[in-house]
Amino acid sequence: MKTNPKESKLIYVNKIGYNRKDEGLYEFIFSDDPENIQAKEWGWTQSPAASNASPPSDDCVTKTLNLRTDLFELYCLHESNDRPYMHGYNTIHALAYEDEEAMENDTEYQKLYENSPLLVFHYGMTLEQVKDILYERDVVLKGDDFIATKPKAKVSKPTKQDDEEEKEESNDEFFKIKF
């Protein structure tokens, strides 16, 4: 089925997880009939969404587009521990939004996007609207994949070892007795 970008509407953003390069993997799921949902069958009416909401069935999906990125991190409604997925359908909450806290220690992210509005994706957005939002972050659609047009510079992220060394240093300072 050929997808009309003006007709296809976003109905689900599915966070798949992370790959070995620590890139976030997401599916943007669209439908040409966003009102034809099976909310109870998909667990969208149950709370919390995290243990109940599942992606729509294939017969309701027109197009699925993939995003793999380390430029930003998205918090998806299906991960929520305090609300049902229907809050996204009713646009009480976004289906996905940029998780600023996850990126607060990333200096490259701060340099690139400190004055940019947060990425926010709502139920019923058109494919064109989603493409336009991601384009603001140098991500374009090629085939069924959203691709970053310029890679993020490799900035070393804090590691568990760095955290442990910092903790040891702070413990050393704590136990020093000054005379």
Protein backbone atom coordinates (compact mmCIF):
# COMPACT_ATOMS: atom_id res chain seq x y z
CA MET A 1 0.00 0.00 0.00
CA LYS A 2 1.43 3.39 -1.07
CA THR A 3 1.51 5.87 1.80
CA ASN A 4 0.31 9.43 1.38
CA PRO A 5 2.49 11.54 3.72
CA LYS A 6 -0.34 14.06 4.20
CA GLU A 7 -2.81 11.30 5.17
CA SER A 8 -0.60 9.02 7.27
CA LYS A 9 -0.81 9.87 10.95
CA LEU A 10 1.53 8.92 13.77
CA ILE A 11 -0.14 6.46 16.15
CA TYR A 12 2.75 4.88 18.08
CA VAL A 13 6.43 5.52 18.80
CA ASN A 14 8.06 2.27 19.85
CA LYS A 15 11.39 2.37 21.64
CA ILE A 16 13.12 -0.86 20.68
CA GLY A 17 16.19 -0.29 22.87
CA TYR A 18 19.86 0.33 22.16
CA ASN A 19 22.36 -1.27 19.84
CA ARG A 20 25.99 -2.08 20.64
CA LYS A 21 27.00 1.49 19.65
CA ASP A 22 24.64 2.86 22.31
CA GLU A 23 22.35 4.29 19.65
CA GLY A 24 18.65 4.50 20.46
CA LEU A 25 16.43 2.39 18.19
CA TYR A 26 12.87 3.59 17.58
CA GLU A 27 9.93 2.77 15.31
CA PHE A 28 7.55 5.52 14.20
CA ILE A 29 4.29 3.76 13.36
CA PHE A 30 1.74 5.45 11.05
CA SER A 31 -1.81 4.73 9.97
CA ASP A 32 -4.05 6.23 7.29
CA ASP A 33 -6.98 5.63 9.66
CA PRO A 34 -5.81 6.74 13.14
CA GLU A 35 -9.37 6.59 14.54
CA ASN A 36 -9.59 2.86 13.79
CA ILE A 37 -7.74 1.58 16.83
CA GLN A 38 -8.25 -1.43 19.07
CA ALA A 39 -7.40 0.29 22.34
CA LYS A 40 -8.54 -2.49 24.68
CA GLU A 41 -6.95 -5.26 22.61
CA TRP A 42 -3.62 -3.40 22.51
CA GLY A 43 -3.72 -2.57 26.25
CA TRP A 44 -3.90 1.18 25.64
CA THR A 45 -6.67 1.73 28.21
CA GLN A 46 -4.78 0.04 31.03
CA SER A 47 -2.41 1.79 33.38
CA PRO A 48 0.51 1.81 33.50
CA ALA A 49 1.34 1.84 29.81
CA ALA A 50 4.76 0.29 30.57
CA SER A 51 3.41 -3.15 31.33
CA ASN A 52 0.28 -3.08 29.18
CA ALA A 53 0.48 -1.03 25.97
CA SER A 54 1.62 -2.83 22.85
CA PRO A 55 2.16 -1.55 19.31
CA PRO A 56 -0.83 -1.65 16.96
CA SER A 57 -1.55 -4.77 14.95
CA ASP A 58 -0.24 -4.96 11.38
CA ASP A 59 -3.71 -4.56 9.83
CA CYS A 60 -3.92 -1.04 11.32
CA VAL A 61 -0.41 0.03 10.31
CA THR A 62 0.23 1.80 7.00
CA LYS A 63 3.94 2.48 7.45
CA THR A 64 6.71 1.91 9.98
CA LEU A 65 9.79 4.11 9.84
CA ASN A 66 12.97 3.33 11.77
CA LEU A 67 15.20 5.76 13.63
CA ARG A 68 18.66 4.90 14.93
CA THR A 69 20.45 7.78 16.63
CA ASP A 70 22.89 8.90 19.27
CA LEU A 71 22.09 12.58 18.65
CA PHE A 72 19.28 12.58 21.22
CA GLU A 73 17.23 10.21 23.34
CA LEU A 74 13.45 9.91 23.30
CA TYR A 75 11.21 8.97 26.20
CA CYS A 76 8.26 7.03 24.79
CA LEU A 77 4.79 6.89 26.33
CA HIS A 78 4.74 3.07 26.24
CA GLU A 79 7.51 3.21 28.90
CA SER A 80 5.33 5.22 31.29
CA ASN A 81 4.73 3.83 34.78
CA ASP A 82 2.00 6.27 35.74
CA ARG A 83 -0.49 6.62 32.88
CA PRO A 84 -2.24 4.65 30.14
CA TYR A 85 -1.30 4.94 26.46
CA MET A 86 -4.73 6.45 25.74
CA HIS A 87 -3.39 9.68 27.22
CA GLY A 88 -1.31 9.89 24.05
CA TYR A 89 -4.29 9.18 21.82
CA ASN A 90 -6.18 11.98 23.55
CA THR A 91 -3.07 14.22 23.32
CA ILE A 92 -2.93 14.66 27.09
CA HIS A 93 0.67 13.45 26.78
CA ALA A 94 3.07 13.13 23.86
CA LEU A 95 3.76 9.72 22.30
CA ALA A 96 7.46 10.54 22.58
CA TYR A 97 9.57 13.49 23.60
CA GLU A 98 13.20 14.34 23.90
CA ASP A 99 14.66 13.25 27.23
CA GLU A 100 16.79 16.24 28.20
CA GLU A 101 17.89 14.68 31.49
CA ALA A 102 19.41 11.72 29.66
CA MET A 103 21.55 14.13 27.66
CA GLU A 104 22.46 16.71 30.33
CA ASN A 105 26.06 15.44 30.73
CA ASP A 106 26.63 15.23 26.97
CA THR A 107 28.66 18.34 26.06
CA GLU A 108 28.32 17.75 22.30
CA TYR A 109 24.54 17.59 22.63
CA GLN A 110 24.56 20.78 24.70
CA LYS A 111 26.63 22.60 22.04
CA LEU A 112 24.44 21.43 19.18
CA TYR A 113 20.97 21.83 20.68
CA GLU A 114 21.04 24.15 23.70
CA ASN A 115 18.83 26.72 21.94
CA SER A 116 16.63 24.23 20.09
CA PRO A 117 13.09 23.40 21.16
CA LEU A 118 12.54 19.89 22.52
CA LEU A 119 11.51 17.20 20.08
CA VAL A 120 7.86 16.30 20.80
CA PHE A 121 5.73 13.81 18.84
CA HIS A 122 1.94 13.67 19.30
CA TYR A 123 -0.71 11.20 18.22
CA GLY A 124 -2.13 12.14 14.82
CA MET A 125 0.87 14.12 13.55
CA THR A 126 1.31 13.71 9.82
CA LEU A 127 4.34 12.01 8.35
CA GLU A 128 5.35 15.41 6.96
CA GLN A 129 5.22 16.99 10.45
CA VAL A 130 7.39 14.22 11.90
CA LYS A 131 9.88 14.59 9.04
CA ASP A 132 10.01 18.38 9.58
CA ILE A 133 10.67 18.02 13.32
CA LEU A 134 13.48 15.51 12.78
CA TYR A 135 14.93 17.63 9.96
CA GLU A 136 15.55 20.36 12.57
CA ARG A 137 18.04 17.90 14.13
CA ASP A 138 19.69 17.01 10.82
CA VAL A 139 17.76 13.75 10.47
CA VAL A 140 16.19 12.98 7.09
CA LEU A 141 14.03 10.18 5.74
CA LYS A 142 15.70 7.78 3.28
CA GLY A 143 13.48 4.88 2.33
CA ASP A 144 12.03 3.54 5.58
CA ASP A 145 14.83 4.90 7.76
CA PHE A 146 15.44 8.24 9.38
CA ILE A 147 19.16 8.97 8.91
CA ALA A 148 21.36 11.58 10.61
CA THR A 149 22.98 13.73 7.92
CA LYS A 150 25.90 14.66 10.12
CA PRO A 151 27.17 12.32 12.79
CA LYS A 152 27.65 13.49 16.32
CA ALA A 153 31.30 14.02 17.20
CA LYS A 154 32.58 11.27 19.38
CA VAL A 155 32.55 12.71 22.87
CA SER A 156 33.49 10.36 25.62
CA LYS A 157 30.51 9.66 27.81
CA PRO A 158 31.07 9.09 31.50
CA THR A 159 31.61 5.42 32.19
CA LYS A 160 30.92 3.36 35.26
CA GLN A 161 34.68 3.35 35.92
CA ASP A 162 34.71 7.19 35.81
CA ASP A 163 31.85 7.26 38.32
CA GLU A 164 33.68 4.85 40.62
CA GLU A 165 36.93 6.85 40.41
CA GLU A 166 35.03 10.06 41.21
CA LYS A 167 33.37 8.34 44.18
CA GLU A 168 36.75 7.10 45.45
CA GLU A 169 38.20 10.62 45.15
CA SER A 170 35.28 12.10 47.08
CA ASN A 171 35.61 9.38 49.75
CA ASP A 172 39.35 10.13 50.06
CA GLU A 173 38.56 13.80 50.58
CA PHE A 174 35.92 12.93 53.17
CA PHE A 175 38.28 10.81 55.24
CA LYS A 176 41.21 13.24 55.17
CA ILE A 177 41.74 14.80 58.56
CA LYS A 178 43.02 18.32 58.48
CA PHE A 179 45.05 19.69 61.40
